[in-house]
Protein backbone atom coordinates (compact mmCIF):
# COMPACT_ATOMS: atom_id res chain seq x y z
CA MET A 1 100.99 153.04 128.01
CA LYS A 2 104.08 152.05 125.97
CA CYS A 3 106.31 154.12 128.24
CA ILE A 4 104.75 152.61 131.39
CA ASN A 5 105.20 149.09 130.06
CA ARG A 6 108.81 149.85 129.17
CA ILE A 7 109.62 151.15 132.65
CA THR A 8 107.85 148.19 134.25
CA SER A 9 109.83 145.75 132.11
CA LEU A 10 113.10 147.44 132.94
CA MET A 11 112.41 147.44 136.67
CA ALA A 12 111.56 143.76 136.47
CA ALA A 13 114.83 143.30 134.68
CA ALA A 14 116.58 145.12 137.49
CA VAL A 15 115.12 142.76 140.07
CA MET A 16 116.20 139.70 138.09
CA SER A 17 119.60 141.22 137.41
CA LEU A 18 120.15 141.94 141.09
CA ALA A 19 119.32 138.35 141.88
CA LEU A 20 121.89 137.31 139.32
CA PHE A 21 124.57 139.52 140.91
CA ALA A 22 123.69 138.13 144.33
CA GLY A 23 124.36 134.65 142.94
CA CYS A 24 120.77 133.36 142.75
CA ALA A 25 117.90 133.55 140.27
CA PRO A 26 114.28 134.20 141.33
CA GLU A 27 112.89 130.95 142.73
CA THR A 28 109.66 131.03 140.75
CA GLU A 29 110.96 132.29 137.44
CA LYS A 30 113.78 131.16 135.16
CA LEU A 31 116.39 133.85 134.66
CA PRO A 32 116.15 135.05 131.04
CA GLU A 33 119.03 135.41 128.64
CA PRO A 34 120.68 138.86 128.74
CA SER A 35 119.06 139.83 125.44
CA ASP A 36 115.65 139.42 127.09
CA TYR A 37 116.28 142.11 129.69
CA THR A 38 118.58 144.58 128.01
CA PRO A 39 117.12 147.92 126.93
CA GLN A 40 118.43 147.59 123.39
CA GLN A 41 114.98 146.74 122.02
CA TRP A 42 113.86 150.35 122.61
CA ILE A 43 116.77 151.97 120.79
CA THR A 44 115.60 153.88 117.71
CA ASN A 45 118.75 155.65 116.47
CA GLU A 46 119.31 155.78 112.75
CA LYS A 47 122.75 154.95 111.42
CA THR A 48 124.52 158.17 110.47
CA GLU A 49 128.05 159.47 110.06
CA PHE A 50 129.53 161.65 112.80
CA ASP A 51 128.55 165.26 112.06
CA GLU A 52 131.27 167.62 113.27
CA ASN A 53 129.03 170.56 112.46
CA LYS A 54 126.40 169.42 114.97
CA ILE A 55 128.44 168.64 118.07
CA VAL A 56 126.35 168.95 121.23
CA LEU A 57 128.82 167.69 123.87
CA SER A 58 132.60 167.95 124.23
CA PHE A 59 134.49 166.66 127.24
CA ALA A 60 138.06 165.78 128.12
CA ALA A 61 138.57 162.38 129.76
CA PHE A 62 141.49 161.87 132.15
CA ALA A 63 142.71 159.18 134.50
CA ASP A 64 145.55 158.93 136.98
CA THR A 65 146.41 162.60 137.26
CA HIS A 66 148.25 161.86 140.55
CA GLN A 67 148.31 165.45 141.72
CA GLN A 68 150.68 165.92 144.65
CA TRP A 69 151.08 169.18 146.50
CA GLY A 70 154.42 170.72 145.58
CA SER A 71 154.88 168.75 142.36
CA GLU A 72 154.61 171.62 139.91
CA PRO A 73 155.37 169.52 136.78
CA ARG A 74 152.35 167.28 137.41
CA LYS A 75 150.14 170.30 137.85
CA GLN A 76 151.50 171.87 134.66
CA ARG A 77 150.96 168.68 132.65
CA LEU A 78 147.33 168.46 133.76
CA THR A 79 146.64 172.11 132.96
CA LYS A 80 148.42 171.74 129.63
CA ALA A 81 146.38 168.69 128.65
CA ILE A 82 143.11 170.41 129.58
CA ASN A 83 144.07 173.43 127.50
CA LEU A 84 144.94 171.22 124.53
CA ALA A 85 141.58 169.44 124.79
CA LYS A 86 139.84 172.80 125.00
CA GLU A 87 141.71 174.01 121.92
CA TYR A 88 140.76 170.94 119.87
CA ALA A 89 137.16 171.29 121.05
CA GLY A 90 137.00 174.78 119.56
CA GLY A 91 137.80 176.74 122.71
CA TYR A 92 135.30 175.33 125.21
CA LEU A 93 134.77 172.11 127.16
CA ASP A 94 131.39 171.12 128.54
CA ALA A 95 133.00 168.78 131.05
CA ILE A 96 136.16 167.17 132.37
CA THR A 97 136.10 163.62 133.71
CA VAL A 98 138.71 161.85 135.82
CA SER A 99 138.65 158.08 136.28
CA GLY A 100 140.39 157.86 139.63
CA ASP A 101 143.79 158.52 141.18
CA ILE A 102 143.07 162.21 141.09
CA THR A 103 145.60 162.63 143.87
CA ASN A 104 148.78 160.78 144.68
CA ARG A 105 148.89 160.41 148.47
CA THR A 106 145.78 162.08 149.85
CA ASP A 107 144.73 159.11 151.96
CA ARG A 108 148.12 158.33 153.46
CA ASP A 109 148.74 161.41 155.60
CA GLU A 110 146.02 162.22 158.11
CA ALA A 111 147.02 165.87 158.39
CA ASN A 112 147.07 166.19 154.63
CA ARG A 113 143.79 164.29 154.34
CA TYR A 114 141.85 166.66 156.51
CA GLY A 115 143.59 169.82 155.45
CA THR A 116 145.31 170.56 158.74
CA ALA A 117 148.86 170.35 157.41
CA THR A 118 150.83 173.53 156.76
CA SER A 119 150.65 172.78 153.04
CA GLN A 120 147.28 172.30 151.37
CA PRO A 121 146.15 168.79 150.42
CA ASP A 122 146.70 167.18 147.06
CA ILE A 123 143.04 167.77 146.24
CA MET A 124 143.72 171.49 146.18
CA GLN A 125 146.50 171.06 143.64
CA PHE A 126 144.02 169.25 141.39
CA LYS A 127 141.53 172.07 141.90
CA ASN A 128 144.15 174.70 141.09
CA ALA A 129 145.31 172.89 137.96
CA VAL A 130 141.75 172.59 136.66
CA GLU A 131 140.84 176.19 137.40
CA GLU A 132 143.90 177.52 135.61
CA ALA A 133 142.41 176.05 132.42
CA VAL A 134 138.60 176.28 132.73
CA ASN A 135 135.85 178.00 134.65
CA VAL A 136 133.96 175.72 137.04
CA PRO A 137 130.99 175.11 136.96
CA GLU A 138 130.69 176.38 133.36
CA THR A 139 132.80 173.33 132.67
CA ALA A 140 131.51 170.44 134.79
CA VAL A 141 134.04 168.27 136.63
CA ILE A 142 132.94 164.67 137.17
CA TYR A 143 135.13 161.97 138.69
CA CYS A 144 135.37 158.70 140.51
CA LEU A 145 137.96 157.87 143.13
CA GLY A 146 140.93 155.53 142.75
CA ASN A 147 143.23 153.62 145.04
CA HIS A 148 145.64 156.56 145.44
CA ASP A 149 142.72 158.69 146.54
CA ASN A 150 141.35 156.07 148.89
CA ASP A 151 143.77 153.18 149.35
CA PRO A 152 142.78 150.35 151.69
CA GLN A 153 146.45 149.41 152.05
CA TYR A 154 146.77 152.54 154.19
CA THR A 155 143.23 153.37 155.24
CA ASN A 156 140.60 151.13 156.81
CA VAL A 157 137.09 151.03 155.37
CA THR A 158 135.72 153.32 158.09
CA GLU A 159 138.30 155.97 157.23
CA MET A 160 137.76 155.43 153.50
CA ALA A 161 134.09 156.32 153.91
CA LYS A 162 135.16 159.86 154.86
CA VAL A 163 137.17 160.49 151.70
CA PRO A 164 134.29 161.30 149.28
CA GLY A 165 133.18 164.01 151.71
CA LEU A 166 136.73 165.30 151.91
CA PHE A 167 136.74 165.83 148.13
CA LYS A 168 133.40 167.63 148.26
CA LYS A 169 134.58 169.88 151.08
CA ASN A 170 137.84 170.85 149.39
CA LEU A 171 136.54 171.20 145.84
CA GLY A 172 133.42 173.14 146.74
CA GLU A 173 129.82 173.03 145.61
CA ASP A 174 130.52 174.34 142.10
CA TYR A 175 132.07 170.98 141.28
CA PHE A 176 128.77 169.22 141.96
CA LYS A 177 126.19 171.49 140.34
CA ASN A 178 125.54 169.01 137.53
CA ASP A 179 124.88 166.13 139.94
CA VAL A 180 121.34 164.77 140.08
CA ASP A 181 121.99 161.90 142.49
CA GLU A 182 124.59 160.61 144.93
CA GLY A 183 124.99 156.90 145.47
CA PRO A 184 126.72 154.80 148.13
CA ASN A 185 130.33 155.64 148.95
CA GLY A 186 130.14 158.94 147.09
CA CYS A 187 129.14 157.50 143.70
CA ARG A 188 127.92 160.28 141.41
CA HIS A 189 125.26 160.70 138.74
CA ALA A 190 125.54 163.93 136.77
CA VAL A 191 123.92 165.27 133.62
CA VAL A 192 125.66 167.55 131.12
CA ASN A 193 123.81 168.78 128.01
CA GLY A 194 121.33 165.95 128.40
CA PHE A 195 124.02 163.24 128.57
CA HIS A 196 124.39 161.11 131.68
CA PHE A 197 127.68 160.56 133.55
CA ILE A 198 128.08 158.04 136.37
CA GLY A 199 131.11 157.91 138.68
CA CYS A 200 131.55 154.54 140.43
CA ASN A 201 133.60 154.41 143.66
CA ALA A 202 134.87 151.03 144.81
CA THR A 203 135.13 150.11 148.47
CA TYR A 204 138.06 147.74 147.94
CA TYR A 205 140.89 147.69 145.39
CA TRP A 206 143.29 145.04 144.07
CA ARG A 207 140.42 142.56 143.69
CA PRO A 208 137.79 141.98 140.99
CA ASP A 209 134.82 142.43 143.33
CA GLY A 210 135.53 145.68 145.11
CA TYR A 211 132.02 147.15 145.01
CA THR A 212 129.38 146.70 147.71
CA GLU A 213 125.99 145.22 146.89
CA GLU A 214 124.49 148.66 147.63
CA ALA A 215 126.75 150.33 145.07
CA LYS A 216 125.99 147.71 142.44
CA GLN A 217 122.27 148.01 143.05
CA TRP A 218 122.47 151.79 142.79
CA LEU A 219 124.37 151.55 139.48
CA LEU A 220 121.88 149.08 138.05
CA GLU A 221 118.86 151.10 139.10
CA THR A 222 120.46 154.29 137.77
CA LEU A 223 121.08 152.69 134.37
CA VAL A 224 117.52 151.35 134.31
CA GLU A 225 116.14 154.81 135.07
CA ILE A 226 118.30 156.50 132.42
CA THR A 227 117.51 154.02 129.64
CA SER A 228 113.82 153.97 130.48
CA GLU A 229 113.70 157.70 129.83
CA ASP A 230 116.03 157.76 126.80
CA PRO A 231 117.59 154.55 125.50
CA ASN A 232 119.22 156.30 122.54
CA LYS A 233 122.01 158.29 124.16
CA PRO A 234 125.40 156.91 125.14
CA ILE A 235 125.95 156.78 128.90
CA PHE A 236 129.43 157.64 130.19
CA VAL A 237 130.45 155.51 133.16
CA LEU A 238 133.64 156.21 135.11
CA GLY A 239 135.51 153.60 137.13
CA HIS A 240 139.11 153.36 138.21
CA ALA A 241 140.02 149.78 137.37
CA PRO A 242 139.48 148.46 133.82
CA GLU A 243 136.89 145.79 133.31
CA TYR A 244 138.39 142.36 132.74
CA GLY A 245 139.29 141.47 129.15
CA THR A 246 138.55 144.88 127.67
CA THR A 247 141.27 147.47 127.07
CA LEU A 248 145.03 146.89 127.06
CA ARG A 249 146.42 145.30 130.24
CA SER A 250 142.97 144.63 131.69
CA SER A 251 143.84 140.99 132.38
CA ILE A 252 146.67 141.67 134.83
CA GLU A 253 145.93 139.87 138.06
CA THR A 254 144.54 142.08 140.86
CA TRP A 255 144.41 145.16 138.60
CA TYR A 256 141.00 144.65 136.99
CA ASP A 257 137.35 144.78 138.05
CA ARG A 258 134.39 142.56 137.17
CA ASP A 259 131.54 144.08 139.19
CA VAL A 260 130.76 147.08 137.01
CA GLY A 261 131.18 145.11 133.78
CA GLU A 262 128.65 142.50 134.88
CA ILE A 263 126.08 145.28 135.13
CA MET A 264 127.06 147.26 132.04
CA ARG A 265 126.93 144.18 129.79
CA ASN A 266 123.16 144.55 129.87
CA PHE A 267 123.33 148.19 128.76
CA PRO A 268 124.99 148.53 125.34
CA GLN A 269 124.69 152.31 125.59
CA CYS A 270 127.50 152.37 128.17
CA VAL A 271 130.88 153.90 127.38
CA TYR A 272 133.15 152.91 130.26
CA ILE A 273 136.21 155.08 130.90
CA ALA A 274 138.82 153.61 133.26
CA GLY A 275 142.45 154.09 134.19
CA HIS A 276 144.65 152.49 136.87
CA VAL A 277 147.18 150.81 134.55
CA HIS A 278 148.43 154.03 132.89
CA ASN A 279 148.15 152.66 129.35
CA VAL A 280 149.62 154.41 126.36
CA ILE A 281 146.96 155.67 123.98
CA GLN A 282 149.04 154.96 120.85
CA ASP A 283 148.05 151.31 121.25
CA GLU A 284 144.76 150.65 119.43
CA ARG A 285 143.62 148.55 122.36
CA PHE A 286 142.93 151.81 124.20
CA ILE A 287 139.37 151.23 122.92
CA MET A 288 137.59 147.88 122.97
CA GLN A 289 134.01 146.79 122.45
CA GLU A 290 132.07 143.71 123.38
CA ASP A 291 128.84 144.17 125.35
CA PHE A 292 129.70 147.83 125.89
CA THR A 293 132.45 150.22 124.83
CA ALA A 294 135.56 150.55 127.02
CA LEU A 295 138.17 153.32 126.85
CA THR A 296 141.36 154.22 128.67
CA PRO A 297 142.72 157.79 128.47
CA GLY A 298 146.29 157.24 129.65
CA SER A 299 147.81 159.41 132.38
CA VAL A 300 149.46 162.74 133.04
CA HIS A 301 151.83 161.09 135.52
CA ASN A 302 153.64 158.16 133.93
CA GLU A 303 153.19 155.34 131.45
CA GLY A 304 152.65 151.72 132.30
CA ILE A 305 154.64 149.24 130.27
CA SER A 306 153.37 145.91 129.03
CA MET A 307 155.31 143.59 131.27
CA VAL A 308 154.12 140.39 129.64
CA TYR A 309 153.10 139.11 126.23
CA GLU A 310 149.76 137.84 124.98
CA ASP A 311 146.75 138.65 127.16
CA GLU A 312 149.16 140.08 129.73
CA GLU A 313 149.47 136.66 131.37
CA ASN A 314 152.17 134.60 129.75
CA THR A 315 155.77 135.23 128.70
CA SER A 316 157.65 138.18 130.16
CA ILE A 317 159.13 140.97 128.07
CA SER A 318 162.91 140.80 127.86
CA ASN A 319 163.85 144.47 127.63
CA LEU A 320 162.01 145.84 130.66
CA LYS A 321 165.34 146.78 132.20
CA ALA A 322 165.79 149.28 129.40
CA TYR A 323 162.59 151.07 130.39
CA GLY A 324 161.97 150.16 134.00
CA THR A 325 158.31 149.41 134.61
CA THR A 326 157.16 152.96 133.89
CA VAL A 327 158.34 156.06 132.14
CA ASP A 328 158.14 158.47 135.05
CA ASN A 329 156.99 162.07 135.02
CA THR A 330 156.89 162.42 131.27
CA THR A 331 153.42 161.60 130.04
CA CYS A 332 150.65 164.06 129.28
CA SER A 333 147.70 162.36 127.62
CA CYS A 334 143.92 162.48 127.59
CA LEU A 335 140.97 161.84 125.32
CA LEU A 336 138.56 164.35 123.83
CA LEU A 337 135.08 162.87 123.42
CA GLN A 338 132.49 164.69 121.34
CA ALA A 339 128.88 163.66 120.78
CA ASP A 340 126.83 164.91 117.85
CA GLU A 341 123.09 165.47 117.84
CA ASN A 342 122.57 161.96 116.40
CA ASN A 343 124.34 160.35 119.42
CA ASN A 344 127.50 159.36 117.59
CA VAL A 345 130.67 159.87 119.67
CA ARG A 346 134.04 160.86 118.24
CA VAL A 347 137.15 160.07 120.29
CA LEU A 348 140.35 162.04 119.72
CA ARG A 349 143.66 161.18 121.35
CA ILE A 350 145.80 164.00 122.71
CA ASP A 351 149.48 163.70 123.58
CA GLY A 352 150.86 166.78 125.29
CA ASN A 353 154.44 165.68 124.63
CA ALA A 354 154.08 165.21 120.88
CA ASP A 355 155.64 167.59 118.38
CA ASP A 356 158.61 168.49 120.58
CA GLY A 357 156.44 169.21 123.59
CA LYS A 358 153.89 171.45 121.91
CA GLY A 359 151.31 168.69 122.03
CA SER A 360 149.02 167.44 119.29
CA LEU A 361 146.45 164.89 118.26
CA ILE A 362 147.86 161.45 117.59
CA LYS A 363 146.71 158.86 115.06
CA GLN A 364 143.18 158.90 113.68
CA PRO A 365 139.96 159.67 115.56
CA CYS A 366 137.67 156.79 116.50
CA VAL A 367 133.92 157.11 116.07
CA ILE A 368 131.61 155.11 118.30
CA PRO A 369 128.34 154.87 116.37
CA ALA A 370 125.11 155.84 118.06
CA PRO A 371 123.58 152.90 119.99
CA GLN A 372 121.73 150.51 117.69
CA ASP A 373 119.04 147.97 118.51
CA ASP A 374 120.95 145.30 116.57
CA LEU A 375 124.13 146.12 118.56
CA SER A 376 126.04 146.86 115.36
CA HIS A 377 127.51 149.93 117.05
CA LEU A 378 129.63 147.54 119.13
CA ILE A 379 131.33 145.94 116.11
CA PRO A 380 133.88 148.53 114.85
CA TYR A 381 136.21 148.29 117.85
CA SER A 382 135.61 144.70 118.84
CA ARG A 383 138.62 142.43 119.10
CA GLU A 384 137.08 139.94 116.67
CA TYR A 385 136.37 142.52 113.95
CA ARG A 386 139.74 144.22 114.17
CA THR A 387 141.68 140.98 114.31
CA LYS A 388 139.84 139.72 111.24
CA ASN A 389 140.58 142.90 109.29
CA ASN A 390 144.16 143.27 110.47
CA ALA A 391 147.16 142.94 108.12
CA ALA A 392 150.27 141.21 109.45
CA PRO A 393 153.55 143.11 109.76
CA TYR A 394 156.31 142.54 107.22
CA PHE A 395 159.99 143.16 106.66
CA LYS A 396 161.01 144.83 103.40
CA THR A 397 162.77 142.83 100.70
CA GLY A 398 166.47 142.86 101.44
CA ASP A 399 166.10 143.40 105.19
CA ALA A 400 168.54 141.35 107.23
CA LEU A 401 169.66 140.94 110.82
CA GLU A 402 172.97 142.41 111.87
CA VAL A 403 174.78 140.41 114.55
CA THR A 404 177.31 141.70 117.09
CA LYS A 405 178.86 139.37 119.64
CA LEU A 406 179.08 141.19 122.99
CA ASP A 407 180.77 138.45 125.01
CA ASP A 408 180.77 134.67 125.34
CA SER A 409 177.05 134.50 126.18
CA ARG A 410 175.42 137.67 124.82
CA VAL A 411 174.61 138.71 121.28
CA LYS A 412 173.12 141.97 119.98
CA PHE A 413 170.81 141.75 116.98
CA SER A 414 170.06 144.94 115.06
CA ILE A 415 166.58 144.40 113.65
CA PRO A 416 165.41 146.53 110.72
CA ALA A 417 162.20 148.36 111.56
CA ALA A 418 159.31 146.25 110.29
CA LYS A 419 156.31 147.74 108.49
CA ASP A 420 152.68 147.42 109.53
CA ASP A 421 149.27 148.91 108.75
CA ASP A 422 149.41 150.29 112.28
CA MET A 423 152.39 149.93 114.63
CA ILE A 424 154.74 147.17 115.75
CA TYR A 425 154.00 145.97 119.29
CA LEU A 426 157.06 143.80 119.84
CA TYR A 427 159.65 141.56 118.21
CA ARG A 428 159.74 137.85 119.00
CA LEU A 429 163.08 136.08 118.84
CA GLU A 430 162.99 132.33 118.47
CA SER A 431 166.20 130.27 118.63
CA ASN A 432 167.30 126.68 118.82
CA LEU A 433 170.65 125.01 119.18
CA GLU A 434 171.56 123.52 115.81
CA GLY A 435 170.44 119.88 115.76
CA SER A 436 167.95 120.41 118.60
CA GLU A 437 164.22 121.01 118.34
CA THR A 438 164.05 122.74 121.73
CA LEU A 439 163.04 126.38 121.21
CA THR A 440 163.86 129.41 123.30
CA GLN A 441 161.67 132.50 122.85
CA LEU A 442 162.26 136.08 123.88
CA TYR A 443 160.04 139.13 123.46
CA TRP A 444 161.39 142.63 122.87
CA LEU A 445 158.99 145.53 123.29
CA SER A 446 158.89 147.98 120.40
CA PRO A 447 159.80 151.58 121.23
CA PHE A 448 156.58 152.94 119.71
CA TYR A 449 155.11 153.14 123.20
CA TYR A 450 157.20 156.10 124.11
CA PHE A 451 158.60 157.84 121.07
CA TYR A 452 156.18 157.78 118.14
CA LYS A 453 152.79 159.18 117.19
CA ASN A 454 152.25 156.72 114.35
CA GLY A 455 153.88 153.77 112.63
CA ASP A 456 155.32 155.79 109.76
CA GLU A 457 157.79 157.36 112.18
CA MET A 458 159.24 154.00 113.23
CA ILE A 459 162.15 153.83 110.81
CA ASN A 460 165.16 153.13 113.04
CA PRO A 461 166.56 149.64 113.65
CA VAL A 462 165.82 148.05 117.01
CA ASP A 463 168.69 146.60 119.02
CA PHE A 464 167.72 143.29 120.58
CA ILE A 465 170.15 141.86 123.17
CA ALA A 466 169.85 138.12 123.81
CA GLU A 467 171.65 136.30 126.60
CA ASP A 468 172.48 132.80 127.88
CA TYR A 469 174.14 131.47 124.74
CA GLU A 470 176.99 128.98 125.04
CA LYS A 471 180.43 129.72 123.65
CA GLY A 472 181.31 127.63 120.59
CA LYS A 473 177.72 126.54 119.94
CA THR A 474 175.79 127.25 116.74
CA TYR A 475 172.24 128.61 116.90
CA ASN A 476 169.47 129.08 114.37
CA ILE A 477 167.79 132.43 114.98
CA ARG A 478 164.44 133.70 113.69
CA VAL A 479 162.99 137.13 114.44
CA TYR A 480 159.31 137.97 113.91
CA ALA A 481 157.61 141.37 114.07
CA VAL A 482 154.33 141.27 116.01
CA ASP A 483 151.51 143.84 115.98
CA VAL A 484 149.02 144.64 118.75
CA TRP A 485 146.62 141.95 117.49
CA PHE A 486 149.45 139.38 117.65
CA ALA A 487 149.72 138.93 113.89
CA GLU A 488 153.30 138.00 112.98
CA SER A 489 155.52 138.73 110.02
CA GLN A 490 157.54 136.20 108.09
CA PRO A 491 160.81 135.82 109.98
CA LEU A 492 164.26 137.17 109.36
CA GLU A 493 166.61 134.21 109.81
CA ILE A 494 170.29 133.80 110.57
CA THR A 495 172.65 131.11 111.88
CA VAL A 496 175.18 132.25 114.47
CA THR A 497 178.14 130.54 116.10
CA ILE A 498 178.92 132.11 119.45
């Protein structure tokens, strides 16, 4: 009877939730608060430490593999990263997941799309790269599609509807043997070792509401069904775009999603794995928690650079010209997720370029506690908790700016490498003309994004070039070190006459 009542309650919740997503509450009943219709009340996990001796699931999470027929380096990086994940998992992976942009141009060339070109389609390069590293279906392969797989800028919605079938045709049935359900637009529900994986395919990209009502309903009903049967296990949900306000760079206009997050916020068991923005995994904001856990696994294609400062919305970074907007054809990253028998999940970060190209784990593992009925498992990687427990960067005693005048308007500042309990995100230069209160601010991205595994390696000075000074004028300069939680050091100060 308890089980029947639980399922009935959850299905009622689904009806009310669907009304919410449609923009209206049931006419005869007030919509309850989220806590009234989330399945957290049936969670019974005890709080335990992650037990590496009782691992029951290991899978490698990828995003943005951008496989393109004829691009051997991309294929090699993907195979290399899978092999590294397999090595760190003890020689075997239960699954591989890909959160979209599996291919690079599959949807843009009709001959390539349908496999009639003289060269095989990009999907086949993905297949070849995977099968050089693992045996399918002994290792399950679960994915969702991304804009490069199915881009509405090049393909109308009618054509897009054919793309999920194209993947199934080219990959073959072994890639779908763990599937238990197929949703609208090729959405997938698979089960591996008793853990549920859901792949969510958008119909539109570059907007926060790219999912159809049918797809959202299917996702909601699938989550209800899963949690009614077992509310204790984490549920791994794949989507291409990050959910707004979660992981690094998830607030960039037109690059985020809101549809999937609105559903998952009622299911604290969800671990959402997304890509799209090609984040670096050295940044601790690769994992974020609020109503659910969100992760981003980086890319094996290139790295996205933070183009703006706080919340990715405000002031632009000054040294983008030094990097471009991406570091092309160099990155090789993924995550290794392992669940123990108590439903704790350990997340390891893998960088295939680390240690002179041999590849290694970077920084410390993260452990997502097993779902708890009091939602305490969502605290360790929340923005609030980590900001509260964060220590500000600092410059060592005796550190000073070195100033080199380049010409009548440009000055180079050599900034000693600041120290932090993690890593420096950027340096903020603040200046004012002597006698004036008007401030000019510039932001200089730290090189940790591309060259370091951890903060202890960041020992070299950073050259900061500032422009638009006036010859003969005197300026008061202050430089602050800023970490990823936007805590700032005490400044280094200097007065300069140009």
